[in-house]
């Protein structure tokens, strides 16, 4: 019988589970950054680190484009739901050649949990000005479609039809909608946020220029709204939203009709 959960996969021999988990890495990503399908560099040096010990129900992958790279090209953290479904806790793609913004750590080096537990405001201002979104330490690689396709191939290989993800920020949720995701919870909240950013809305009124993250233009931008939400404009951080995707199905949800980046 095919292993169909993270817990079951983690019981497999190391090389076998490594091969299976590698399926959710887009081939185009490896090609662009000269990483071999075996996840090694041109000199045969290991570029991937997995944590997938037997007896655990989660897996992490840290993939670098070079052995001495300070940040991963791809970081993924997956776990099982209580029903044995696959749950994406974190999936990050970084362009390692782009400028770095230390939104993930304070000047003293303490972690910010991507700005969710504390915020390096100076780095966030620089990140905003550079066109990045909340939580990004570097520019993305522009391969979300390829990532979704690779992940769905991985999910299908486990004989699943659905998988789950928690968007960390408002912009993540809106983008996932456009790739066909639906809401397990949080859709009404997303619709309320959209209403709040409309002319006369409560959230739009708070975009008064009182901080770099509360500029009037942000009401009409996916990225801008996300920064304002990250700044607490709704009275809390963006949280408690769970989405899911059925393979070969587009849910057709759009909580921000006509929204531009």
C-alpha atoms as a PDB file:
ATOM      1  CA  UNK A   1       0.000   0.000   0.000  1.00  0.00           C
ATOM      2  CA  UNK A   2       1.312   3.452  -0.918  1.00  0.00           C
ATOM      3  CA  UNK A   3       2.315   5.660   2.015  1.00  0.00           C
ATOM      4  CA  UNK A   4      -0.155   8.527   1.970  1.00  0.00           C
ATOM      5  CA  UNK A   5       0.614  10.590   5.077  1.00  0.00           C
ATOM      6  CA  UNK A   6       3.671  12.422   6.351  1.00  0.00           C
ATOM      7  CA  UNK A   7       3.789  10.038   9.301  1.00  0.00           C
ATOM      8  CA  UNK A   8       3.829   7.026   6.973  1.00  0.00           C
ATOM      9  CA  UNK A   9       6.363   8.579   4.595  1.00  0.00           C
ATOM     10  CA  UNK A  10       8.693   9.356   7.473  1.00  0.00           C
ATOM     11  CA  UNK A  11       8.919   5.636   8.293  1.00  0.00           C
ATOM     12  CA  UNK A  12      10.385   4.860   4.867  1.00  0.00           C
ATOM     13  CA  UNK A  13      14.113   4.455   4.184  1.00  0.00           C
ATOM     14  CA  UNK A  14      15.934   7.778   3.967  1.00  0.00           C
ATOM     15  CA  UNK A  15      16.644   7.794   0.246  1.00  0.00           C
ATOM     16  CA  UNK A  16      13.102   6.743  -0.603  1.00  0.00           C
ATOM     17  CA  UNK A  17      11.386   9.460   1.416  1.00  0.00           C
ATOM     18  CA  UNK A  18      13.902  12.027   0.207  1.00  0.00           C
ATOM     19  CA  UNK A  19      12.983  11.153  -3.378  1.00  0.00           C
ATOM     20  CA  UNK A  20       9.262  11.378  -2.659  1.00  0.00           C
ATOM     21  CA  UNK A  21       9.479  14.726  -0.872  1.00  0.00           C
ATOM     22  CA  UNK A  22      11.604  16.132  -3.691  1.00  0.00           C
ATOM     23  CA  UNK A  23       8.571  15.856  -5.964  1.00  0.00           C
ATOM     24  CA  UNK A  24       7.111  19.130  -4.691  1.00  0.00           C
ATOM     25  CA  UNK A  25      10.170  21.105  -5.814  1.00  0.00           C
ATOM     26  CA  UNK A  26       9.516  22.732  -9.226  1.00  0.00           C
ATOM     27  CA  UNK A  27      11.879  21.442 -11.912  1.00  0.00           C
ATOM     28  CA  UNK A  28      12.108  24.970 -13.316  1.00  0.00           C
ATOM     29  CA  UNK A  29      13.468  26.200  -9.985  1.00  0.00           C
ATOM     30  CA  UNK A  30      16.253  23.627 -10.003  1.00  0.00           C
ATOM     31  CA  UNK A  31      17.122  24.436 -13.610  1.00  0.00           C
ATOM     32  CA  UNK A  32      17.235  28.194 -13.025  1.00  0.00           C
ATOM     33  CA  UNK A  33      19.659  27.928 -10.120  1.00  0.00           C
ATOM     34  CA  UNK A  34      21.754  25.013 -11.435  1.00  0.00           C
ATOM     35  CA  UNK A  35      20.667  22.529  -8.781  1.00  0.00           C
ATOM     36  CA  UNK A  36      20.711  18.919  -9.941  1.00  0.00           C
ATOM     37  CA  UNK A  37      17.628  16.683  -9.613  1.00  0.00           C
ATOM     38  CA  UNK A  38      19.584  14.953  -6.828  1.00  0.00           C
ATOM     39  CA  UNK A  39      19.680  18.345  -5.070  1.00  0.00           C
ATOM     40  CA  UNK A  40      23.406  18.790  -5.370  1.00  0.00           C
ATOM     41  CA  UNK A  41      25.579  21.463  -6.946  1.00  0.00           C
ATOM     42  CA  UNK A  42      27.890  21.055  -9.943  1.00  0.00           C
ATOM     43  CA  UNK A  43      30.573  19.683  -7.625  1.00  0.00           C
ATOM     44  CA  UNK A  44      28.254  17.111  -6.093  1.00  0.00           C
ATOM     45  CA  UNK A  45      27.864  18.920  -2.786  1.00  0.00           C
ATOM     46  CA  UNK A  46      24.621  18.530  -0.869  1.00  0.00           C
ATOM     47  CA  UNK A  47      22.253  21.516  -1.153  1.00  0.00           C
ATOM     48  CA  UNK A  48      19.180  20.133   0.618  1.00  0.00           C
ATOM     49  CA  UNK A  49      18.554  19.397   4.264  1.00  0.00           C
ATOM     50  CA  UNK A  50      15.486  17.398   5.319  1.00  0.00           C
ATOM     51  CA  UNK A  51      14.090  16.767   8.768  1.00  0.00           C
ATOM     52  CA  UNK A  52      11.811  13.740   8.562  1.00  0.00           C
ATOM     53  CA  UNK A  53      12.594  11.440  11.461  1.00  0.00           C
ATOM     54  CA  UNK A  54      10.578   8.220  11.863  1.00  0.00           C
ATOM     55  CA  UNK A  55       7.815   8.683  14.399  1.00  0.00           C
ATOM     56  CA  UNK A  56       7.197  12.321  13.493  1.00  0.00           C
ATOM     57  CA  UNK A  57       4.238  13.741  11.567  1.00  0.00           C
ATOM     58  CA  UNK A  58       5.962  16.633   9.820  1.00  0.00           C
ATOM     59  CA  UNK A  59       8.764  17.297   7.378  1.00  0.00           C
ATOM     60  CA  UNK A  60      10.907  20.319   6.607  1.00  0.00           C
ATOM     61  CA  UNK A  61      13.041  20.951   3.558  1.00  0.00           C
ATOM     62  CA  UNK A  62      15.713  23.631   3.351  1.00  0.00           C
ATOM     63  CA  UNK A  63      17.140  23.914  -0.167  1.00  0.00           C
ATOM     64  CA  UNK A  64      19.966  26.318  -0.997  1.00  0.00           C
ATOM     65  CA  UNK A  65      21.328  27.259  -4.402  1.00  0.00           C
ATOM     66  CA  UNK A  66      24.874  27.081  -3.019  1.00  0.00           C
ATOM     67  CA  UNK A  67      26.342  25.474   0.073  1.00  0.00           C
ATOM     68  CA  UNK A  68      27.299  28.820   1.636  1.00  0.00           C
ATOM     69  CA  UNK A  69      24.086  30.718   0.832  1.00  0.00           C
ATOM     70  CA  UNK A  70      22.801  32.624   3.895  1.00  0.00           C
ATOM     71  CA  UNK A  71      19.140  32.058   2.990  1.00  0.00           C
ATOM     72  CA  UNK A  72      17.343  29.091   1.450  1.00  0.00           C
ATOM     73  CA  UNK A  73      16.149  29.097  -2.120  1.00  0.00           C
ATOM     74  CA  UNK A  74      13.165  27.076  -0.894  1.00  0.00           C
ATOM     75  CA  UNK A  75      11.948  26.363   2.613  1.00  0.00           C
ATOM     76  CA  UNK A  76       8.963  24.105   3.142  1.00  0.00           C
ATOM     77  CA  UNK A  77       7.289  22.749   6.265  1.00  0.00           C
ATOM     78  CA  UNK A  78       4.507  20.196   5.869  1.00  0.00           C
ATOM     79  CA  UNK A  79       2.505  18.222   8.407  1.00  0.00           C
ATOM     80  CA  UNK A  80      -0.478  15.895   8.659  1.00  0.00           C
ATOM     81  CA  UNK A  81      -3.952  17.008   9.663  1.00  0.00           C
ATOM     82  CA  UNK A  82      -5.797  14.931  12.235  1.00  0.00           C
ATOM     83  CA  UNK A  83      -7.473  13.201   9.289  1.00  0.00           C
ATOM     84  CA  UNK A  84      -4.198  12.369   7.564  1.00  0.00           C
ATOM     85  CA  UNK A  85      -4.440  15.131   4.958  1.00  0.00           C
ATOM     86  CA  UNK A  86      -1.417  17.166   3.940  1.00  0.00           C
ATOM     87  CA  UNK A  87      -1.102  20.616   5.503  1.00  0.00           C
ATOM     88  CA  UNK A  88       1.386  23.248   4.291  1.00  0.00           C
ATOM     89  CA  UNK A  89       2.583  25.217   7.304  1.00  0.00           C
ATOM     90  CA  UNK A  90       5.151  27.236   5.354  1.00  0.00           C
ATOM     91  CA  UNK A  91       6.395  27.353   1.762  1.00  0.00           C
ATOM     92  CA  UNK A  92       8.855  30.117   0.890  1.00  0.00           C
ATOM     93  CA  UNK A  93      10.763  30.809  -2.321  1.00  0.00           C
ATOM     94  CA  UNK A  94      13.557  33.398  -2.276  1.00  0.00           C
ATOM     95  CA  UNK A  95      15.575  34.874  -5.111  1.00  0.00           C
ATOM     96  CA  UNK A  96      19.039  34.518  -3.563  1.00  0.00           C
ATOM     97  CA  UNK A  97      20.489  37.158  -5.880  1.00  0.00           C
ATOM     98  CA  UNK A  98      18.114  39.908  -4.752  1.00  0.00           C
ATOM     99  CA  UNK A  99      18.736  42.400  -1.897  1.00  0.00           C
ATOM    100  CA  UNK A 100      18.006  41.162   1.616  1.00  0.00           C
ATOM    101  CA  UNK A 101      15.787  42.977   4.107  1.00  0.00           C
ATOM    102  CA  UNK A 102      16.061  41.869   7.734  1.00  0.00           C
ATOM    103  CA  UNK A 103      12.326  41.775   8.453  1.00  0.00           C
ATOM    104  CA  UNK A 104      12.865  38.349  10.046  1.00  0.00           C
ATOM    105  CA  UNK A 105      15.189  39.564  12.787  1.00  0.00           C
ATOM    106  CA  UNK A 106      15.718  42.516  15.050  1.00  0.00           C
ATOM    107  CA  UNK A 107      18.968  44.539  15.077  1.00  0.00           C
ATOM    108  CA  UNK A 108      20.109  42.432  18.049  1.00  0.00           C
ATOM    109  CA  UNK A 109      19.528  39.245  16.023  1.00  0.00           C
ATOM    110  CA  UNK A 110      16.420  38.038  17.847  1.00  0.00           C
ATOM    111  CA  UNK A 111      13.797  36.519  15.518  1.00  0.00           C
ATOM    112  CA  UNK A 112      10.621  38.370  14.578  1.00  0.00           C
ATOM    113  CA  UNK A 113       8.765  35.285  13.302  1.00  0.00           C
ATOM    114  CA  UNK A 114       8.423  37.183  10.003  1.00  0.00           C
ATOM    115  CA  UNK A 115       7.060  40.199  11.842  1.00  0.00           C
ATOM    116  CA  UNK A 116       4.330  38.297  13.654  1.00  0.00           C
ATOM    117  CA  UNK A 117       5.851  38.382  17.150  1.00  0.00           C
ATOM    118  CA  UNK A 118       7.852  41.629  16.880  1.00  0.00           C
ATOM    119  CA  UNK A 119       8.737  43.952  14.023  1.00  0.00           C
ATOM    120  CA  UNK A 120      11.930  45.411  12.634  1.00  0.00           C
ATOM    121  CA  UNK A 121      10.226  48.575  11.410  1.00  0.00           C
ATOM    122  CA  UNK A 122      13.284  50.050   9.702  1.00  0.00           C
ATOM    123  CA  UNK A 123      13.733  46.893   7.612  1.00  0.00           C
ATOM    124  CA  UNK A 124      10.022  46.754   6.857  1.00  0.00           C
ATOM    125  CA  UNK A 125      10.038  50.343   5.567  1.00  0.00           C
ATOM    126  CA  UNK A 126      12.919  49.454   3.248  1.00  0.00           C
ATOM    127  CA  UNK A 127      11.141  46.282   2.122  1.00  0.00           C
ATOM    128  CA  UNK A 128       7.938  48.182   1.387  1.00  0.00           C
ATOM    129  CA  UNK A 129       9.835  50.796  -0.620  1.00  0.00           C
ATOM    130  CA  UNK A 130      11.541  48.043  -2.625  1.00  0.00           C
ATOM    131  CA  UNK A 131       8.205  46.578  -3.685  1.00  0.00           C
ATOM    132  CA  UNK A 132       8.189  43.549  -1.405  1.00  0.00           C
ATOM    133  CA  UNK A 133       5.267  42.219   0.637  1.00  0.00           C
ATOM    134  CA  UNK A 134       5.064  41.604   4.393  1.00  0.00           C
ATOM    135  CA  UNK A 135       7.285  38.753   5.534  1.00  0.00           C
ATOM    136  CA  UNK A 136       9.573  38.746   2.505  1.00  0.00           C
ATOM    137  CA  UNK A 137      13.286  38.897   3.294  1.00  0.00           C
ATOM    138  CA  UNK A 138      14.075  38.767  -0.424  1.00  0.00           C
ATOM    139  CA  UNK A 139      12.182  39.075  -3.669  1.00  0.00           C
ATOM    140  CA  UNK A 140      10.338  35.940  -4.771  1.00  0.00           C
ATOM    141  CA  UNK A 141      11.299  33.896  -7.811  1.00  0.00           C
ATOM    142  CA  UNK A 142       8.048  34.295  -9.757  1.00  0.00           C
ATOM    143  CA  UNK A 143       7.267  30.576  -9.840  1.00  0.00           C
ATOM    144  CA  UNK A 144       4.063  30.238  -7.863  1.00  0.00           C
ATOM    145  CA  UNK A 145       2.240  28.525 -10.741  1.00  0.00           C
ATOM    146  CA  UNK A 146       5.065  26.028 -11.165  1.00  0.00           C
ATOM    147  CA  UNK A 147       5.133  25.495  -7.400  1.00  0.00           C
ATOM    148  CA  UNK A 148       1.404  24.777  -7.247  1.00  0.00           C
ATOM    149  CA  UNK A 149       1.686  22.356 -10.171  1.00  0.00           C
ATOM    150  CA  UNK A 150       4.619  20.529  -8.582  1.00  0.00           C
ATOM    151  CA  UNK A 151       2.897  20.345  -5.224  1.00  0.00           C
ATOM    152  CA  UNK A 152      -0.286  18.995  -6.757  1.00  0.00           C
ATOM    153  CA  UNK A 153       1.733  16.328  -8.544  1.00  0.00           C
ATOM    154  CA  UNK A 154       3.212  15.384  -5.169  1.00  0.00           C
ATOM    155  CA  UNK A 155      -0.251  15.292  -3.584  1.00  0.00           C
ATOM    156  CA  UNK A 156      -1.636  13.156  -6.420  1.00  0.00           C
ATOM    157  CA  UNK A 157       1.258  10.708  -6.028  1.00  0.00           C
ATOM    158  CA  UNK A 158       0.098  10.144  -2.448  1.00  0.00           C
ATOM    159  CA  UNK A 159      -3.423   9.436  -3.755  1.00  0.00           C
ATOM    160  CA  UNK A 160      -4.899  12.524  -2.108  1.00  0.00           C
ATOM    161  CA  UNK A 161      -7.417  14.857  -3.728  1.00  0.00           C
ATOM    162  CA  UNK A 162      -7.122  17.865  -1.417  1.00  0.00           C
ATOM    163  CA  UNK A 163      -4.518  19.715   0.644  1.00  0.00           C
ATOM    164  CA  UNK A 164      -4.590  22.603   3.118  1.00  0.00           C
ATOM    165  CA  UNK A 165      -2.611  25.773   3.768  1.00  0.00           C
ATOM    166  CA  UNK A 166      -2.629  28.682   6.219  1.00  0.00           C
ATOM    167  CA  UNK A 167      -1.878  31.966   4.413  1.00  0.00           C
ATOM    168  CA  UNK A 168       0.376  34.007   6.673  1.00  0.00           C
ATOM    169  CA  UNK A 169      -0.688  37.354   5.233  1.00  0.00           C
ATOM    170  CA  UNK A 170      -3.621  38.951   3.446  1.00  0.00           C
ATOM    171  CA  UNK A 171      -1.855  38.995   0.072  1.00  0.00           C
ATOM    172  CA  UNK A 172      -1.159  35.264   0.317  1.00  0.00           C
ATOM    173  CA  UNK A 173      -4.863  34.523   0.707  1.00  0.00           C
ATOM    174  CA  UNK A 174      -5.866  36.685  -2.270  1.00  0.00           C
ATOM    175  CA  UNK A 175      -3.207  35.094  -4.470  1.00  0.00           C
ATOM    176  CA  UNK A 176      -4.226  31.571  -3.430  1.00  0.00           C
ATOM    177  CA  UNK A 177      -7.812  32.405  -4.390  1.00  0.00           C
ATOM    178  CA  UNK A 178      -6.593  33.123  -7.902  1.00  0.00           C
ATOM    179  CA  UNK A 179      -5.006  29.702  -8.061  1.00  0.00           C
ATOM    180  CA  UNK A 180      -8.298  28.036  -7.193  1.00  0.00           C
ATOM    181  CA  UNK A 181      -8.133  27.683  -3.418  1.00  0.00           C
ATOM    182  CA  UNK A 182     -11.248  27.765  -1.243  1.00  0.00           C
ATOM    183  CA  UNK A 183     -11.679  28.630   2.433  1.00  0.00           C
ATOM    184  CA  UNK A 184     -12.114  26.150   5.239  1.00  0.00           C
ATOM    185  CA  UNK A 185     -12.381  29.169   7.509  1.00  0.00           C
ATOM    186  CA  UNK A 186     -11.907  32.894   7.063  1.00  0.00           C
ATOM    187  CA  UNK A 187     -13.889  33.704   3.904  1.00  0.00           C
ATOM    188  CA  UNK A 188     -16.330  36.011   5.683  1.00  0.00           C
ATOM    189  CA  UNK A 189     -13.419  37.789   7.321  1.00  0.00           C
ATOM    190  CA  UNK A 190     -11.789  38.304   3.929  1.00  0.00           C
ATOM    191  CA  UNK A 191     -15.030  39.672   2.491  1.00  0.00           C
ATOM    192  CA  UNK A 192     -15.363  42.012   5.492  1.00  0.00           C
ATOM    193  CA  UNK A 193     -11.829  43.270   4.921  1.00  0.00           C
ATOM    194  CA  UNK A 194     -12.645  44.025   1.291  1.00  0.00           C
ATOM    195  CA  UNK A 195     -15.754  45.935   2.347  1.00  0.00           C
ATOM    196  CA  UNK A 196     -13.704  47.875   4.853  1.00  0.00           C
ATOM    197  CA  UNK A 197     -11.329  49.086   2.150  1.00  0.00           C
ATOM    198  CA  UNK A 198     -14.136  50.400  -0.052  1.00  0.00           C
ATOM    199  CA  UNK A 199     -14.896  54.165  -0.206  1.00  0.00           C
ATOM    200  CA  UNK A 200     -16.500  55.056   3.103  1.00  0.00           C
ATOM    201  CA  UNK A 201     -15.197  51.881   4.730  1.00  0.00           C
ATOM    202  CA  UNK A 202     -13.680  51.743   8.197  1.00  0.00           C
ATOM    203  CA  UNK A 203     -10.319  50.377   7.067  1.00  0.00           C
ATOM    204  CA  UNK A 204      -9.980  52.862   4.221  1.00  0.00           C
ATOM    205  CA  UNK A 205     -10.547  55.708   6.662  1.00  0.00           C
ATOM    206  CA  UNK A 206      -7.578  54.520   8.719  1.00  0.00           C
ATOM    207  CA  UNK A 207      -5.220  54.869   5.749  1.00  0.00           C
ATOM    208  CA  UNK A 208      -4.478  58.397   6.868  1.00  0.00           C
ATOM    209  CA  UNK A 209      -0.727  58.576   6.198  1.00  0.00           C
ATOM    210  CA  UNK A 210       0.055  58.242   9.898  1.00  0.00           C
ATOM    211  CA  UNK A 211       2.715  55.617   9.139  1.00  0.00           C
ATOM    212  CA  UNK A 212       4.496  54.285   6.048  1.00  0.00           C
ATOM    213  CA  UNK A 213       2.141  51.295   6.244  1.00  0.00           C
ATOM    214  CA  UNK A 214      -1.066  53.352   6.266  1.00  0.00           C
ATOM    215  CA  UNK A 215      -0.930  55.281   3.017  1.00  0.00           C
ATOM    216  CA  UNK A 216      -4.151  56.098   1.099  1.00  0.00           C
ATOM    217  CA  UNK A 217      -3.031  54.222  -2.042  1.00  0.00           C
ATOM    218  CA  UNK A 218      -2.930  50.975  -0.133  1.00  0.00           C
ATOM    219  CA  UNK A 219      -6.724  50.595  -0.171  1.00  0.00           C
ATOM    220  CA  UNK A 220      -6.594  49.784  -3.866  1.00  0.00           C
ATOM    221  CA  UNK A 221      -3.634  47.389  -3.899  1.00  0.00           C
ATOM    222  CA  UNK A 222      -3.316  43.763  -2.804  1.00  0.00           C
ATOM    223  CA  UNK A 223       0.213  44.379  -1.540  1.00  0.00           C
ATOM    224  CA  UNK A 224      -0.754  47.696   0.037  1.00  0.00           C
ATOM    225  CA  UNK A 225      -3.696  46.207   1.890  1.00  0.00           C
ATOM    226  CA  UNK A 226      -1.463  43.431   3.146  1.00  0.00           C
ATOM    227  CA  UNK A 227       1.030  45.908   4.605  1.00  0.00           C
ATOM    228  CA  UNK A 228      -1.794  47.838   6.270  1.00  0.00           C
ATOM    229  CA  UNK A 229      -3.220  44.605   7.693  1.00  0.00           C
ATOM    230  CA  UNK A 230       0.251  43.642   8.912  1.00  0.00           C
ATOM    231  CA  UNK A 231       0.402  47.040  10.630  1.00  0.00           C
ATOM    232  CA  UNK A 232      -2.713  46.142  12.618  1.00  0.00           C
ATOM    233  CA  UNK A 233      -5.206  48.347  10.826  1.00  0.00           C
ATOM    234  CA  UNK A 234      -7.945  45.784  11.468  1.00  0.00           C
ATOM    235  CA  UNK A 235      -7.186  45.683  15.190  1.00  0.00           C
ATOM    236  CA  UNK A 236      -5.288  42.390  15.025  1.00  0.00           C
ATOM    237  CA  UNK A 237      -2.687  40.625  12.933  1.00  0.00           C
ATOM    238  CA  UNK A 238      -3.872  38.553   9.992  1.00  0.00           C
ATOM    239  CA  UNK A 239      -4.603  35.128  11.427  1.00  0.00           C
ATOM    240  CA  UNK A 240      -7.068  32.246  11.721  1.00  0.00           C
ATOM    241  CA  UNK A 241      -7.540  31.743   7.971  1.00  0.00           C
ATOM    242  CA  UNK A 242      -7.262  28.247   6.490  1.00  0.00           C
ATOM    243  CA  UNK A 243      -7.583  27.426   2.802  1.00  0.00           C
ATOM    244  CA  UNK A 244      -7.705  24.208   0.811  1.00  0.00           C
ATOM    245  CA  UNK A 245      -7.316  23.149  -2.796  1.00  0.00           C
ATOM    246  CA  UNK A 246      -8.942  20.243  -4.569  1.00  0.00           C
ATOM    247  CA  UNK A 247      -6.884  18.803  -7.378  1.00  0.00           C
ATOM    248  CA  UNK A 248      -8.063  19.738 -10.875  1.00  0.00           C
ATOM    249  CA  UNK A 249     -10.654  22.099  -9.411  1.00  0.00           C
ATOM    250  CA  UNK A 250     -10.793  25.903  -9.281  1.00  0.00           C
ATOM    251  CA  UNK A 251     -13.057  27.132  -6.480  1.00  0.00           C
ATOM    252  CA  UNK A 252     -13.756  30.442  -8.237  1.00  0.00           C
ATOM    253  CA  UNK A 253     -13.603  32.519  -5.054  1.00  0.00           C
ATOM    254  CA  UNK A 254     -12.650  36.189  -5.382  1.00  0.00           C
ATOM    255  CA  UNK A 255     -12.869  38.305  -2.233  1.00  0.00           C
ATOM    256  CA  UNK A 256     -11.074  41.203  -3.951  1.00  0.00           C
ATOM    257  CA  UNK A 257     -12.667  41.509  -7.415  1.00  0.00           C
ATOM    258  CA  UNK A 258     -10.445  43.394  -9.821  1.00  0.00           C
ATOM    259  CA  UNK A 259      -7.684  43.726  -7.266  1.00  0.00           C
ATOM    260  CA  UNK A 260      -4.294  44.754  -8.632  1.00  0.00           C
ATOM    261  CA  UNK A 261      -0.955  44.019  -7.075  1.00  0.00           C
END
